[in-house]
Amino acid sequence: MRTLLLLAAALAVTGCTFPHAQVARADLQAQGRFSIIDLGGGYSYLIDPRTETCFLRQPGAEFTFALVAVPCDKLKHNLPEAAAHIPWVPDAQPAGTASATP
């Protein structure tokens, strides 16, 4: 009975101490750089071309911050400074020039 309890305890301890996730390493030096557009007051846009995502960085209390995902196409359209950093979104056609399909 004692050996059974020791075996159960050993299995429980090893199950709790081994990591449950795999670690993957990436070489970010070989990747493209992300862009930061500072809006002032601690607010900024973070544009990541590797994942083709855009975020608004909002300041928090005591060196904390929050990242909120924003649509890259709207950011490119509404913020001219961001347009050069978002090449994966096609430029919008001016109003009235949309091609009609027969």
Foldseek 3Di string as FASTA:
>chain_A
DVVVVVVVVVVVVVVVPDDPDDDDDDDCVPPDDWDWADPDPQWIKIADPVVRWIWIWADDPDGDIDTDTDDLVVCLVPPVVCVVRRVVDDDDDDPPPDDDDD
